[in-house]
Every structure is written in C-alpha cells, then in structure tokens.
PDB file of N, CA and C in Angstrom:
ATOM      1  N   MET A   1      72.011  36.569  14.352  1.00  0.00           N
ATOM      2  CA  MET A   1      71.330  35.896  15.453  1.00  0.00           C
ATOM      3  C   MET A   1      70.388  36.889  16.123  1.00  0.00           C
ATOM      4  N   ASN A   2      69.177  36.489  16.339  1.00  0.00           N
ATOM      5  CA  ASN A   2      68.163  37.350  16.927  1.00  0.00           C
ATOM      6  C   ASN A   2      68.104  37.126  18.430  1.00  0.00           C
ATOM      7  N   ARG A   3      68.669  38.045  19.217  1.00  0.00           N
ATOM      8  CA  ARG A   3      68.725  37.871  20.671  1.00  0.00           C
ATOM      9  C   ARG A   3      67.401  38.197  21.347  1.00  0.00           C
ATOM     10  N   THR A   4      66.505  38.851  20.670  1.00  0.00           N
ATOM     11  CA  THR A   4      65.232  39.230  21.285  1.00  0.00           C
ATOM     12  C   THR A   4      64.106  38.294  20.870  1.00  0.00           C
ATOM     13  N   ALA A   5      64.436  37.205  20.217  1.00  0.00           N
ATOM     14  CA  ALA A   5      63.415  36.270  19.742  1.00  0.00           C
ATOM     15  C   ALA A   5      62.632  35.694  20.916  1.00  0.00           C
ATOM     16  N   GLU A   6      61.349  35.583  20.728  1.00  0.00           N
ATOM     17  CA  GLU A   6      60.460  34.952  21.703  1.00  0.00           C
ATOM     18  C   GLU A   6      60.031  33.605  21.128  1.00  0.00           C
ATOM     19  N   PRO A   7      60.092  32.551  21.921  1.00  0.00           N
ATOM     20  CA  PRO A   7      59.663  31.250  21.414  1.00  0.00           C
ATOM     21  C   PRO A   7      58.194  31.264  20.995  1.00  0.00           C
ATOM     22  N   ALA A   8      57.917  30.602  19.894  1.00  0.00           N
ATOM     23  CA  ALA A   8      56.546  30.473  19.401  1.00  0.00           C
ATOM     24  C   ALA A   8      56.258  28.992  19.177  1.00  0.00           C
ATOM     25  N   VAL A   9      55.013  28.636  19.248  1.00  0.00           N
ATOM     26  CA  VAL A   9      54.592  27.249  19.044  1.00  0.00           C
ATOM     27  C   VAL A   9      55.076  26.776  17.676  1.00  0.00           C
ATOM     28  N   GLY A  10      55.669  25.576  17.666  1.00  0.00           N
ATOM     29  CA  GLY A  10      56.147  24.982  16.428  1.00  0.00           C
ATOM     30  C   GLY A  10      57.601  25.282  16.097  1.00  0.00           C
ATOM     31  N   GLU A  11      58.236  26.161  16.858  1.00  0.00           N
ATOM     32  CA  GLU A  11      59.627  26.515  16.588  1.00  0.00           C
ATOM     33  C   GLU A  11      60.593  25.559  17.289  1.00  0.00           C
ATOM     34  N   ALA A  12      61.750  25.371  16.671  1.00  0.00           N
ATOM     35  CA  ALA A  12      62.821  24.568  17.263  1.00  0.00           C
ATOM     36  C   ALA A  12      63.783  25.509  17.989  1.00  0.00           C
ATOM     37  N   TRP A  13      64.141  25.139  19.216  1.00  0.00           N
ATOM     38  CA  TRP A  13      65.041  25.944  20.040  1.00  0.00           C
ATOM     39  C   TRP A  13      66.122  25.075  20.648  1.00  0.00           C
ATOM     40  N   ALA A  14      67.246  25.711  21.016  1.00  0.00           N
ATOM     41  CA  ALA A  14      68.318  25.046  21.749  1.00  0.00           C
ATOM     42  C   ALA A  14      67.987  25.161  23.234  1.00  0.00           C
ATOM     43  N   TYR A  15      67.952  24.015  23.914  1.00  0.00           N
ATOM     44  CA  TYR A  15      67.567  23.932  25.322  1.00  0.00           C
ATOM     45  C   TYR A  15      68.780  23.540  26.153  1.00  0.00           C
ATOM     46  N   ARG A  16      68.924  24.199  27.310  1.00  0.00           N
ATOM     47  CA  ARG A  16      69.964  23.816  28.284  1.00  0.00           C
ATOM     48  C   ARG A  16      69.396  24.028  29.674  1.00  0.00           C
ATOM     49  N   ALA A  17      69.407  22.965  30.488  1.00  0.00           N
ATOM     50  CA  ALA A  17      68.861  23.057  31.841  1.00  0.00           C
ATOM     51  C   ALA A  17      69.804  23.812  32.770  1.00  0.00           C
ATOM     52  N   ARG A  18      71.102  23.498  32.704  1.00  0.00           N
ATOM     53  CA  ARG A  18      72.090  24.121  33.589  1.00  0.00           C
ATOM     54  C   ARG A  18      73.338  24.459  32.794  1.00  0.00           C
ATOM     55  N   ARG A  19      74.070  25.454  33.275  1.00  0.00           N
ATOM     56  CA  ARG A  19      75.332  25.819  32.640  1.00  0.00           C
ATOM     57  C   ARG A  19      76.243  24.595  32.601  1.00  0.00           C
ATOM     58  N   GLY A  20      76.842  24.380  31.463  1.00  0.00           N
ATOM     59  CA  GLY A  20      77.719  23.228  31.306  1.00  0.00           C
ATOM     60  C   GLY A  20      77.021  22.029  30.686  1.00  0.00           C
ATOM     61  N   ASP A  21      75.689  21.988  30.743  1.00  0.00           N
ATOM     62  CA  ASP A  21      74.950  20.909  30.078  1.00  0.00           C
ATOM     63  C   ASP A  21      75.021  21.104  28.572  1.00  0.00           C
ATOM     64  N   PRO A  22      74.932  20.021  27.814  1.00  0.00           N
ATOM     65  CA  PRO A  22      74.913  20.175  26.354  1.00  0.00           C
ATOM     66  C   PRO A  22      73.614  20.840  25.895  1.00  0.00           C
ATOM     67  N   LEU A  23      73.676  21.500  24.764  1.00  0.00           N
ATOM     68  CA  LEU A  23      72.476  22.079  24.157  1.00  0.00           C
ATOM     69  C   LEU A  23      71.777  20.987  23.363  1.00  0.00           C
ATOM     70  N   VAL A  24      70.464  20.880  23.538  1.00  0.00           N
ATOM     71  CA  VAL A  24      69.685  19.888  22.798  1.00  0.00           C
ATOM     72  C   VAL A  24      68.515  20.590  22.114  1.00  0.00           C
ATOM     73  N   GLU A  25      68.069  19.992  21.025  1.00  0.00           N
ATOM     74  CA  GLU A  25      66.969  20.577  20.265  1.00  0.00           C
ATOM     75  C   GLU A  25      65.630  20.204  20.894  1.00  0.00           C
ATOM     76  N   VAL A  26      64.774  21.224  21.045  1.00  0.00           N
ATOM     77  CA  VAL A  26      63.402  21.008  21.503  1.00  0.00           C
ATOM     78  C   VAL A  26      62.457  21.757  20.560  1.00  0.00           C
ATOM     79  N   MET A  27      61.230  21.281  20.511  1.00  0.00           N
ATOM     80  CA  MET A  27      60.173  21.966  19.768  1.00  0.00           C
ATOM     81  C   MET A  27      59.194  22.547  20.780  1.00  0.00           C
ATOM     82  N   VAL A  28      58.783  23.781  20.568  1.00  0.00           N
ATOM     83  CA  VAL A  28      57.800  24.411  21.450  1.00  0.00           C
ATOM     84  C   VAL A  28      56.426  23.861  21.073  1.00  0.00           C
ATOM     85  N   VAL A  29      55.758  23.238  22.048  1.00  0.00           N
ATOM     86  CA  VAL A  29      54.447  22.620  21.827  1.00  0.00           C
ATOM     87  C   VAL A  29      53.329  23.564  22.257  1.00  0.00           C
ATOM     88  N   ARG A  30      53.513  24.187  23.430  1.00  0.00           N
ATOM     89  CA  ARG A  30      52.483  25.077  23.967  1.00  0.00           C
ATOM     90  C   ARG A  30      53.118  26.140  24.828  1.00  0.00           C
ATOM     91  N   ILE A  31      52.463  27.271  24.913  1.00  0.00           N
ATOM     92  CA  ILE A  31      52.899  28.350  25.794  1.00  0.00           C
ATOM     93  C   ILE A  31      51.894  28.431  26.931  1.00  0.00           C
ATOM     94  N   GLY A  32      52.398  28.318  28.156  1.00  0.00           N
ATOM     95  CA  GLY A  32      51.521  28.325  29.323  1.00  0.00           C
ATOM     96  C   GLY A  32      50.874  29.681  29.543  1.00  0.00           C
ATOM     97  N   VAL A  33      49.808  29.678  30.342  1.00  0.00           N
ATOM     98  CA  VAL A  33      49.068  30.913  30.611  1.00  0.00           C
ATOM     99  C   VAL A  33      49.255  31.412  32.038  1.00  0.00           C
ATOM    100  N   ARG A  34      49.804  30.584  32.903  1.00  0.00           N
ATOM    101  CA  ARG A  34      50.007  30.985  34.303  1.00  0.00           C
ATOM    102  C   ARG A  34      51.381  31.626  34.485  1.00  0.00           C
ATOM    103  N   THR A  35      51.554  32.231  35.668  1.00  0.00           N
ATOM    104  CA  THR A  35      52.870  32.719  36.039  1.00  0.00           C
ATOM    105  C   THR A  35      53.370  31.886  37.209  1.00  0.00           C
ATOM    106  N   PRO A  36      54.628  31.578  37.301  1.00  0.00           N
ATOM    107  CA  PRO A  36      55.646  31.985  36.345  1.00  0.00           C
ATOM    108  C   PRO A  36      55.437  31.294  34.998  1.00  0.00           C
ATOM    109  N   ARG A  37      55.827  32.005  33.966  1.00  0.00           N
ATOM    110  CA  ARG A  37      55.623  31.544  32.597  1.00  0.00           C
ATOM    111  C   ARG A  37      56.375  30.238  32.360  1.00  0.00           C
ATOM    112  N   ARG A  38      55.737  29.329  31.662  1.00  0.00           N
ATOM    113  CA  ARG A  38      56.339  28.044  31.300  1.00  0.00           C
ATOM    114  C   ARG A  38      55.990  27.729  29.854  1.00  0.00           C
ATOM    115  N   LEU A  39      56.846  26.915  29.246  1.00  0.00           N
ATOM    116  CA  LEU A  39      56.630  26.452  27.881  1.00  0.00           C
ATOM    117  C   LEU A  39      56.628  24.932  27.883  1.00  0.00           C
ATOM    118  N   LEU A  40      55.684  24.340  27.184  1.00  0.00           N
ATOM    119  CA  LEU A  40      55.699  22.899  27.017  1.00  0.00           C
ATOM    120  C   LEU A  40      56.561  22.613  25.797  1.00  0.00           C
ATOM    121  N   VAL A  41      57.632  21.846  25.997  1.00  0.00           N
ATOM    122  CA  VAL A  41      58.539  21.521  24.898  1.00  0.00           C
ATOM    123  C   VAL A  41      58.615  20.015  24.729  1.00  0.00           C
ATOM    124  N   ARG A  42      58.907  19.611  23.499  1.00  0.00           N
ATOM    125  CA  ARG A  42      59.140  18.192  23.184  1.00  0.00           C
ATOM    126  C   ARG A  42      60.589  18.059  22.768  1.00  0.00           C
ATOM    127  N   PHE A  43      61.303  17.146  23.405  1.00  0.00           N
ATOM    128  CA  PHE A  43      62.699  16.910  23.075  1.00  0.00           C
ATOM    129  C   PHE A  43      62.761  16.103  21.780  1.00  0.00           C
ATOM    130  N   VAL A  44      63.516  16.594  20.806  1.00  0.00           N
ATOM    131  CA  VAL A  44      63.500  16.060  19.447  1.00  0.00           C
ATOM    132  C   VAL A  44      64.286  14.760  19.293  1.00  0.00           C
ATOM    133  N   ALA A  45      65.455  14.662  19.881  1.00  0.00           N
ATOM    134  CA  ALA A  45      66.324  13.496  19.670  1.00  0.00           C
ATOM    135  C   ALA A  45      65.647  12.206  20.127  1.00  0.00           C
ATOM    136  N   ASP A  46      65.904  11.133  19.381  1.00  0.00           N
ATOM    137  CA  ASP A  46      65.319   9.824  19.689  1.00  0.00           C
ATOM    138  C   ASP A  46      65.656   9.350  21.094  1.00  0.00           C
ATOM    139  N   GLU A  47      66.826   9.731  21.594  1.00  0.00           N
ATOM    140  CA  GLU A  47      67.237   9.277  22.934  1.00  0.00           C
ATOM    141  C   GLU A  47      66.275   9.726  24.033  1.00  0.00           C
ATOM    142  N   PHE A  48      65.489  10.780  23.760  1.00  0.00           N
ATOM    143  CA  PHE A  48      64.525  11.277  24.749  1.00  0.00           C
ATOM    144  C   PHE A  48      63.165  10.589  24.638  1.00  0.00           C
ATOM    145  N   GLU A  49      62.980   9.772  23.617  1.00  0.00           N
ATOM    146  CA  GLU A  49      61.770   8.974  23.426  1.00  0.00           C
ATOM    147  C   GLU A  49      60.490   9.799  23.515  1.00  0.00           C
ATOM    148  N   GLY A  50      60.501  10.962  22.860  1.00  0.00           N
ATOM    149  CA  GLY A  50      59.295  11.789  22.820  1.00  0.00           C
ATOM    150  C   GLY A  50      58.988  12.545  24.096  1.00  0.00           C
ATOM    151  N   ARG A  51      59.939  12.615  24.997  1.00  0.00           N
ATOM    152  CA  ARG A  51      59.734  13.303  26.287  1.00  0.00           C
ATOM    153  C   ARG A  51      59.242  14.734  26.081  1.00  0.00           C
ATOM    154  N   GLN A  52      58.276  15.129  26.884  1.00  0.00           N
ATOM    155  CA  GLN A  52      57.781  16.500  26.922  1.00  0.00           C
ATOM    156  C   GLN A  52      57.890  17.001  28.350  1.00  0.00           C
ATOM    157  N   ASP A  53      58.126  18.321  28.479  1.00  0.00           N
ATOM    158  CA  ASP A  53      58.276  18.881  29.817  1.00  0.00           C
ATOM    159  C   ASP A  53      57.900  20.363  29.779  1.00  0.00           C
ATOM    160  N   TRP A  54      57.335  20.836  30.889  1.00  0.00           N
ATOM    161  CA  TRP A  54      57.088  22.260  31.063  1.00  0.00           C
ATOM    162  C   TRP A  54      58.379  22.878  31.603  1.00  0.00           C
ATOM    163  N   VAL A  55      58.912  23.874  30.906  1.00  0.00           N
ATOM    164  CA  VAL A  55      60.200  24.464  31.289  1.00  0.00           C
ATOM    165  C   VAL A  55      60.097  25.986  31.298  1.00  0.00           C
ATOM    166  N   PRO A  56      60.954  26.649  32.102  1.00  0.00           N
ATOM    167  CA  PRO A  56      60.985  28.111  32.057  1.00  0.00           C
ATOM    168  C   PRO A  56      61.611  28.580  30.742  1.00  0.00           C
ATOM    169  N   PRO A  57      61.165  29.703  30.216  1.00  0.00           N
ATOM    170  CA  PRO A  57      61.705  30.207  28.948  1.00  0.00           C
ATOM    171  C   PRO A  57      63.211  30.459  28.980  1.00  0.00           C
ATOM    172  N   SER A  58      63.771  30.713  30.156  1.00  0.00           N
ATOM    173  CA  SER A  58      65.207  30.984  30.258  1.00  0.00           C
ATOM    174  C   SER A  58      66.067  29.791  29.846  1.00  0.00           C
ATOM    175  N   ARG A  59      65.493  28.618  29.808  1.00  0.00           N
ATOM    176  CA  ARG A  59      66.254  27.437  29.385  1.00  0.00           C
ATOM    177  C   ARG A  59      66.353  27.316  27.872  1.00  0.00           C
ATOM    178  N   LEU A  60      65.521  28.067  27.157  1.00  0.00           N
ATOM    179  CA  LEU A  60      65.607  28.083  25.696  1.00  0.00           C
ATOM    180  C   LEU A  60      66.575  29.201  25.326  1.00  0.00           C
ATOM    181  N   LYS A  61      67.745  28.827  24.866  1.00  0.00           N
ATOM    182  CA  LYS A  61      68.830  29.783  24.702  1.00  0.00           C
ATOM    183  C   LYS A  61      68.789  30.551  23.398  1.00  0.00           C
ATOM    184  N   VAL A  62      68.445  29.883  22.312  1.00  0.00           N
ATOM    185  CA  VAL A  62      68.493  30.516  20.998  1.00  0.00           C
ATOM    186  C   VAL A  62      67.707  29.651  20.019  1.00  0.00           C
ATOM    187  N   PRO A  63      67.101  30.265  19.006  1.00  0.00           N
ATOM    188  CA  PRO A  63      66.459  29.430  17.985  1.00  0.00           C
ATOM    189  C   PRO A  63      67.481  28.428  17.422  1.00  0.00           C
ATOM    190  N   TRP A  64      67.047  27.218  17.165  1.00  0.00           N
ATOM    191  CA  TRP A  64      67.946  26.149  16.738  1.00  0.00           C
ATOM    192  C   TRP A  64      68.734  26.545  15.490  1.00  0.00           C
ATOM    193  N   ARG A  65      68.132  27.316  14.598  1.00  0.00           N
ATOM    194  CA  ARG A  65      68.817  27.729  13.365  1.00  0.00           C
ATOM    195  C   ARG A  65      70.028  28.622  13.657  1.00  0.00           C
ATOM    196  N   ASP A  66      70.076  29.247  14.839  1.00  0.00           N
ATOM    197  CA  ASP A  66      71.176  30.139  15.214  1.00  0.00           C
ATOM    198  C   ASP A  66      72.182  29.473  16.148  1.00  0.00           C
ATOM    199  N   LEU A  67      72.115  28.152  16.256  1.00  0.00           N
ATOM    200  CA  LEU A  67      72.938  27.434  17.223  1.00  0.00           C
ATOM    201  C   LEU A  67      74.433  27.649  17.005  1.00  0.00           C
ATOM    202  N   ASP A  68      74.905  27.574  15.759  1.00  0.00           N
ATOM    203  CA  ASP A  68      76.347  27.701  15.503  1.00  0.00           C
ATOM    204  C   ASP A  68      76.885  29.051  15.962  1.00  0.00           C
ATOM    205  N   ALA A  69      76.170  30.128  15.674  1.00  0.00           N
ATOM    206  CA  ALA A  69      76.606  31.460  16.097  1.00  0.00           C
ATOM    207  C   ALA A  69      76.590  31.576  17.620  1.00  0.00           C
ATOM    208  N   PHE A  70      75.602  30.970  18.270  1.00  0.00           N
ATOM    209  CA  PHE A  70      75.512  31.004  19.734  1.00  0.00           C
ATOM    210  C   PHE A  70      76.705  30.281  20.360  1.00  0.00           C
ATOM    211  N   ILE A  71      77.041  29.107  19.839  1.00  0.00           N
ATOM    212  CA  ILE A  71      78.176  28.347  20.371  1.00  0.00           C
ATOM    213  C   ILE A  71      79.475  29.117  20.157  1.00  0.00           C
ATOM    214  N   ALA A  72      79.627  29.726  18.994  1.00  0.00           N
ATOM    215  CA  ALA A  72      80.839  30.516  18.727  1.00  0.00           C
ATOM    216  C   ALA A  72      80.966  31.665  19.725  1.00  0.00           C
ATOM    217  N   ARG A  73      79.855  32.319  20.021  1.00  0.00           N
ATOM    218  CA  ARG A  73      79.879  33.419  20.996  1.00  0.00           C
ATOM    219  C   ARG A  73      80.231  32.903  22.392  1.00  0.00           C
ATOM    220  N   GLU A  74      79.664  31.766  22.781  1.00  0.00           N
ATOM    221  CA  GLU A  74      80.004  31.182  24.082  1.00  0.00           C
ATOM    222  C   GLU A  74      81.491  30.834  24.171  1.00  0.00           C
ATOM    223  N   LEU A  75      82.050  30.289  23.101  1.00  0.00           N
ATOM    224  CA  LEU A  75      83.467  29.936  23.104  1.00  0.00           C
ATOM    225  C   LEU A  75      84.349  31.174  23.216  1.00  0.00           C
ATOM    226  N   ARG A  76      83.954  32.260  22.568  1.00  0.00           N
ATOM    227  CA  ARG A  76      84.714  33.514  22.697  1.00  0.00           C
ATOM    228  C   ARG A  76      84.684  33.990  24.149  1.00  0.00           C
ATOM    229  N   TRP A  77      83.516  33.941  24.793  1.00  0.00           N
ATOM    230  CA  TRP A  77      83.409  34.364  26.191  1.00  0.00           C
ATOM    231  C   TRP A  77      84.249  33.470  27.096  1.00  0.00           C
ATOM    232  N   GLU A  78      84.254  32.178  26.847  1.00  0.00           N
ATOM    233  CA  GLU A  78      85.076  31.269  27.648  1.00  0.00           C
ATOM    234  C   GLU A  78      86.551  31.628  27.515  1.00  0.00           C
ATOM    235  N   GLY A  79      86.966  32.023  26.303  1.00  0.00           N
ATOM    236  CA  GLY A  79      88.344  32.440  26.092  1.00  0.00           C
ATOM    237  C   GLY A  79      88.689  33.683  26.882  1.00  0.00           C
ATOM    238  N   VAL A  80      87.761  34.640  26.904  1.00  0.00           N
ATOM    239  CA  VAL A  80      87.982  35.867  27.673  1.00  0.00           C
ATOM    240  C   VAL A  80      88.044  35.551  29.159  1.00  0.00           C
ATOM    241  N   ALA A  81      87.108  34.763  29.635  1.00  0.00           N
ATOM    242  CA  ALA A  81      87.076  34.427  31.057  1.00  0.00           C
ATOM    243  C   ALA A  81      88.318  33.636  31.458  1.00  0.00           C
ATOM    244  N   GLY A  82      88.800  32.780  30.579  1.00  0.00           N
ATOM    245  CA  GLY A  82      89.985  31.986  30.884  1.00  0.00           C
ATOM    246  C   GLY A  82      91.242  32.829  30.983  1.00  0.00           C
ATOM    247  N   GLU A  83      91.286  33.931  30.258  1.00  0.00           N
ATOM    248  CA  GLU A  83      92.453  34.812  30.264  1.00  0.00           C
ATOM    249  C   GLU A  83      92.399  35.834  31.389  1.00  0.00           C
ATOM    250  N   SER A  84      91.234  36.059  31.958  1.00  0.00           N
ATOM    251  CA  SER A  84      91.064  37.078  32.989  1.00  0.00           C
ATOM    252  C   SER A  84      91.426  36.523  34.356  1.00  0.00           C
ATOM    253  N   PRO A  85      92.146  37.314  35.153  1.00  0.00           N
ATOM    254  CA  PRO A  85      92.426  36.844  36.514  1.00  0.00           C
ATOM    255  C   PRO A  85      91.149  36.842  37.345  1.00  0.00           C
ATOM    256  N   ALA A  86      91.077  35.942  38.274  1.00  0.00           N
ATOM    257  CA  ALA A  86      89.901  35.835  39.134  1.00  0.00           C
ATOM    258  C   ALA A  86      89.802  37.043  40.055  1.00  0.00           C
ATOM    259  N   VAL A  87      88.578  37.484  40.310  1.00  0.00           N
ATOM    260  CA  VAL A  87      88.357  38.578  41.254  1.00  0.00           C
ATOM    261  C   VAL A  87      88.858  38.131  42.614  1.00  0.00           C
ATOM    262  N   GLY A  88      89.640  39.000  43.245  1.00  0.00           N
ATOM    263  CA  GLY A  88      90.175  38.670  44.556  1.00  0.00           C
ATOM    264  C   GLY A  88      91.482  37.894  44.519  1.00  0.00           C
ATOM    265  N   SER A  89      91.972  37.554  43.308  1.00  0.00           N
ATOM    266  CA  SER A  89      93.240  36.835  43.213  1.00  0.00           C
ATOM    267  C   SER A  89      94.382  37.790  43.556  1.00  0.00           C
ATOM    268  N   PRO A  90      95.546  37.258  43.921  1.00  0.00           N
ATOM    269  CA  PRO A  90      96.684  38.135  44.221  1.00  0.00           C
ATOM    270  C   PRO A  90      97.004  39.076  43.070  1.00  0.00           C
ATOM    271  N   ARG A  91      96.913  38.602  41.848  1.00  0.00           N
ATOM    272  CA  ARG A  91      97.196  39.443  40.683  1.00  0.00           C
ATOM    273  C   ARG A  91      96.212  40.611  40.586  1.00  0.00           C
ATOM    274  N   THR A  92      94.939  40.336  40.798  1.00  0.00           N
ATOM    275  CA  THR A  92      93.923  41.386  40.748  1.00  0.00           C
ATOM    276  C   THR A  92      94.110  42.382  41.887  1.00  0.00           C
ATOM    277  N   ARG A  93      94.405  41.887  43.081  1.00  0.00           N
ATOM    278  CA  ARG A  93      94.627  42.790  44.226  1.00  0.00           C
ATOM    279  C   ARG A  93      95.823  43.706  43.982  1.00  0.00           C
ATOM    280  N   ARG A  94      96.919  43.157  43.429  1.00  0.00           N
ATOM    281  CA  ARG A  94      98.100  43.988  43.133  1.00  0.00           C
ATOM    282  C   ARG A  94      97.755  45.065  42.114  1.00  0.00           C
ATOM    283  N   ALA A  95      97.022  44.695  41.085  1.00  0.00           N
ATOM    284  CA  ALA A  95      96.648  45.666  40.057  1.00  0.00           C
ATOM    285  C   ALA A  95      95.749  46.759  40.630  1.00  0.00           C
ATOM    286  N   THR A  96      94.835  46.395  41.504  1.00  0.00           N
ATOM    287  CA  THR A  96      93.938  47.373  42.122  1.00  0.00           C
ATOM    288  C   THR A  96      94.724  48.339  43.006  1.00  0.00           C
ATOM    289  N   ARG A  97      95.668  47.798  43.793  1.00  0.00           N
ATOM    290  CA  ARG A  97      96.501  48.669  44.636  1.00  0.00           C
ATOM    291  C   ARG A  97      97.348  49.614  43.790  1.00  0.00           C
ATOM    292  N   ALA A  98      97.921  49.107  42.715  1.00  0.00           N
ATOM    293  CA  ALA A  98      98.752  49.955  41.849  1.00  0.00           C
ATOM    294  C   ALA A  98      97.922  51.057  41.213  1.00  0.00           C
ATOM    295  N   ALA A  99      96.723  50.739  40.779  1.00  0.00           N
ATOM    296  CA  ALA A  99      95.860  51.745  40.164  1.00  0.00           C
ATOM    297  C   ALA A  99      95.460  52.809  41.169  1.00  0.00           C
ATOM    298  N   ALA A 100      95.227  52.412  42.408  1.00  0.00           N
ATOM    299  CA  ALA A 100      94.855  53.378  43.443  1.00  0.00           C
ATOM    300  C   ALA A 100      96.042  54.258  43.818  1.00  0.00           C
ATOM    301  N   ARG A 101      97.228  53.677  43.872  1.00  0.00           N
ATOM    302  CA  ARG A 101      98.427  54.399  44.281  1.00  0.00           C
ATOM    303  C   ARG A 101      98.971  55.309  43.177  1.00  0.00           C
ATOM    304  N   TYR A 102      98.913  54.818  41.940  1.00  0.00           N
ATOM    305  CA  TYR A 102      99.514  55.537  40.807  1.00  0.00           C
ATOM    306  C   TYR A 102      98.515  55.670  39.660  1.00  0.00           C
ATOM    307  N   PRO A 103      97.432  56.416  39.866  1.00  0.00           N
ATOM    308  CA  PRO A 103      96.378  56.475  38.840  1.00  0.00           C
ATOM    309  C   PRO A 103      96.865  57.022  37.498  1.00  0.00           C
ATOM    310  N   ARG A 104      97.795  57.976  37.518  1.00  0.00           N
ATOM    311  CA  ARG A 104      98.263  58.541  36.246  1.00  0.00           C
ATOM    312  C   ARG A 104      99.036  57.493  35.438  1.00  0.00           C
ATOM    313  N   LEU A 105      99.779  56.632  36.107  1.00  0.00           N
ATOM    314  CA  LEU A 105     100.572  55.635  35.395  1.00  0.00           C
ATOM    315  C   LEU A 105      99.700  54.617  34.665  1.00  0.00           C
ATOM    316  N   VAL A 106      98.511  54.348  35.176  1.00  0.00           N
ATOM    317  CA  VAL A 106      97.632  53.375  34.542  1.00  0.00           C
ATOM    318  C   VAL A 106      96.516  54.046  33.741  1.00  0.00           C
ATOM    319  N   GLY A 107      96.629  55.379  33.576  1.00  0.00           N
ATOM    320  CA  GLY A 107      95.672  56.088  32.718  1.00  0.00           C
ATOM    321  C   GLY A 107      94.339  56.361  33.361  1.00  0.00           C
ATOM    322  N   LEU A 108      94.249  56.402  34.683  1.00  0.00           N
ATOM    323  CA  LEU A 108      92.972  56.646  35.340  1.00  0.00           C
ATOM    324  C   LEU A 108      92.722  58.119  35.615  1.00  0.00           C
ATOM    325  N   SER A 109      93.753  58.957  35.500  1.00  0.00           N
ATOM    326  CA  SER A 109      93.550  60.387  35.687  1.00  0.00           C
ATOM    327  C   SER A 109      94.438  61.136  34.703  1.00  0.00           C
ATOM    328  N   PRO A 110      94.007  62.326  34.286  1.00  0.00           N
ATOM    329  CA  PRO A 110      94.812  63.078  33.311  1.00  0.00           C
ATOM    330  C   PRO A 110      96.110  63.571  33.953  1.00  0.00           C
ATOM    331  N   PRO A 111      97.182  63.714  33.169  1.00  0.00           N
ATOM    332  CA  PRO A 111      98.431  64.243  33.727  1.00  0.00           C
ATOM    333  C   PRO A 111      98.252  65.671  34.191  1.00  0.00           C
ATOM    334  N   GLU A 112      99.029  66.061  35.199  1.00  0.00           N
ATOM    335  CA  GLU A 112      98.919  67.424  35.735  1.00  0.00           C
ATOM    336  C   GLU A 112      99.775  68.373  34.947  1.00  0.00           C
TER     337      GLU A 112
END
C-alpha cells in the first residue's frame, strides 16, 4: 500500500467524509488550483446518481486498489484501541502512580 500516493485525475480512491462513515469509491475528475486545495470527485456507485463534489484531499483515504489492506490496518488499530484503557481511567491512573512510585519494578530505571 502506497501511503504517500497523491490523487491524480482519472484515479479511483476510497472516500470517507467522517470517521465511522463507510468508504465509497470515487473517481478524481479535476484538481483545484485555489487554496485550500480541493479535488473534484465523481461518486462511482449508482446510488449516488453521478454526484460530483469538491472535497478536501484528506477525505481520500487510499487508492481504491489498496482498499483491502487499508481496511485490515484499520481493524488492527481498532483492536489495539479496544484493548487499551482510556486515558484518565482508574486503571490508567493506578498504573501511572505505580510507575512513578516504583520505577525499577516497571522497568523505567536501571537497578542500583
């Protein structure tokens, strides 16, 4: 998967407006010349009835051909986030206090 890919006219990309929205296929129609930078995209699926919209490049997540690898990576991150305690939770606060009180026991400082 090419993470540094820049959208080019005629390419198919995975589009997502907001986190949690489904990824949909769009075709890049035009690249705008003004700032902030915008791309004119055409939504491919029939349900969009040929809709076109100027969108920020940040909404184009990955070239459409790399969609499966992108989804797999997102699912791995969701698994990590689901297993991690929330910042500021009682569990995290206890762990932070223990690390501050007993740094050698948690491997934060070399033994004396």
